[in-house]
């Protein structure tokens, strides 16, 4: 389960765009924020062990955005306790 997405502050940035992609490049989730964290909604299911990519664009000036590199992540299946 992914509760939120967090990243480092970019100097001079006042807005961020966060995008999560599936392995085929389809957008799974996109959001804008003024802080360096966004809550990941429960309504967006992520498949355990599937590969996902995400990036953050930081607005550093009027209509000027700096993009992060794409980073891969996988969701680990929750273990069931008896």
Protein backbone atom coordinates (compact mmCIF):
# COMPACT_ATOMS: atom_id res chain seq x y z
CA UNK A 1 0.00 0.00 0.00
CA UNK A 2 1.25 3.48 -0.86
CA UNK A 3 0.11 6.15 1.60
CA UNK A 4 1.87 9.13 0.13
CA UNK A 5 4.59 10.28 -2.25
CA UNK A 6 7.44 12.44 -0.90
CA UNK A 7 10.36 14.18 -2.56
CA UNK A 8 13.02 16.77 -1.80
CA UNK A 9 12.38 20.50 -2.02
CA UNK A 10 13.73 22.23 -5.13
CA UNK A 11 15.22 25.68 -4.48
CA UNK A 12 12.95 28.40 -5.81
CA UNK A 13 10.04 26.05 -6.54
CA UNK A 14 6.54 27.12 -5.56
CA UNK A 15 4.57 24.30 -7.18
CA UNK A 16 5.09 20.62 -8.01
CA UNK A 17 3.46 18.22 -10.48
CA UNK A 18 3.68 14.54 -9.57
CA UNK A 19 2.99 11.83 -12.14
CA UNK A 20 2.92 8.04 -11.64
CA UNK A 21 3.07 5.79 -14.71
CA UNK A 22 2.48 2.07 -15.21
CA UNK A 23 5.00 -0.09 -17.10
CA UNK A 24 3.39 0.75 -20.45
CA UNK A 25 3.73 4.51 -19.88
CA UNK A 26 0.08 5.07 -19.03
CA UNK A 27 -0.63 7.68 -16.37
CA UNK A 28 -1.92 6.01 -13.22
CA UNK A 29 -2.04 9.14 -11.05
CA UNK A 30 -1.26 12.84 -11.43
CA UNK A 31 -1.48 15.68 -8.94
CA UNK A 32 -0.21 19.17 -8.22
CA UNK A 33 0.96 20.39 -4.84
CA UNK A 34 2.64 23.35 -3.19
CA UNK A 35 4.41 21.08 -0.69
CA UNK A 36 6.80 18.13 -1.12
CA UNK A 37 4.24 15.46 -0.27
CA UNK A 38 0.92 14.29 -1.71
CA UNK A 39 -1.47 11.72 -0.28
CA UNK A 40 -1.86 8.75 -2.62
CA UNK A 41 -5.58 7.94 -2.96
CA UNK A 42 -6.95 4.51 -2.08
CA UNK A 43 -9.06 4.72 -5.25
CA UNK A 44 -5.92 4.15 -7.36
CA UNK A 45 -5.06 0.45 -6.99
CA UNK A 46 -1.41 -0.53 -7.44
CA UNK A 47 -0.64 -4.15 -8.24
CA UNK A 48 1.89 -5.76 -5.88
CA UNK A 49 5.23 -6.55 -7.60
CA UNK A 50 4.26 -4.60 -10.75
CA UNK A 51 6.73 -1.96 -11.92
CA UNK A 52 5.71 1.70 -11.77
CA UNK A 53 7.57 4.88 -12.62
CA UNK A 54 7.16 8.32 -11.14
CA UNK A 55 8.54 11.80 -11.62
CA UNK A 56 8.14 15.25 -10.15
CA UNK A 57 8.20 18.53 -12.07
CA UNK A 58 9.04 21.64 -10.04
CA UNK A 59 7.88 25.10 -11.10
CA UNK A 60 10.84 27.40 -10.60
CA UNK A 61 9.56 30.45 -12.46
CA UNK A 62 6.73 31.71 -14.61
CA UNK A 63 5.93 28.78 -16.91
CA UNK A 64 9.35 27.25 -16.19
CA UNK A 65 9.44 23.67 -14.92
CA UNK A 66 12.36 21.44 -13.98
CA UNK A 67 11.76 17.68 -14.24
CA UNK A 68 13.22 14.93 -12.10
CA UNK A 69 14.42 11.70 -13.64
CA UNK A 70 11.93 8.84 -13.85
CA UNK A 71 12.29 6.59 -10.82
CA UNK A 72 11.02 3.02 -10.71
CA UNK A 73 9.26 1.52 -7.71
CA UNK A 74 7.33 -1.62 -6.86
CA UNK A 75 4.70 -2.18 -4.21
CA UNK A 76 5.44 -5.05 -1.87
CA UNK A 77 2.50 -7.32 -1.10
CA UNK A 78 1.35 -7.11 2.49
CA UNK A 79 2.06 -10.29 4.40
CA UNK A 80 -0.87 -11.91 6.15
CA UNK A 81 -0.45 -12.58 9.82
CA UNK A 82 -2.17 -15.45 11.52
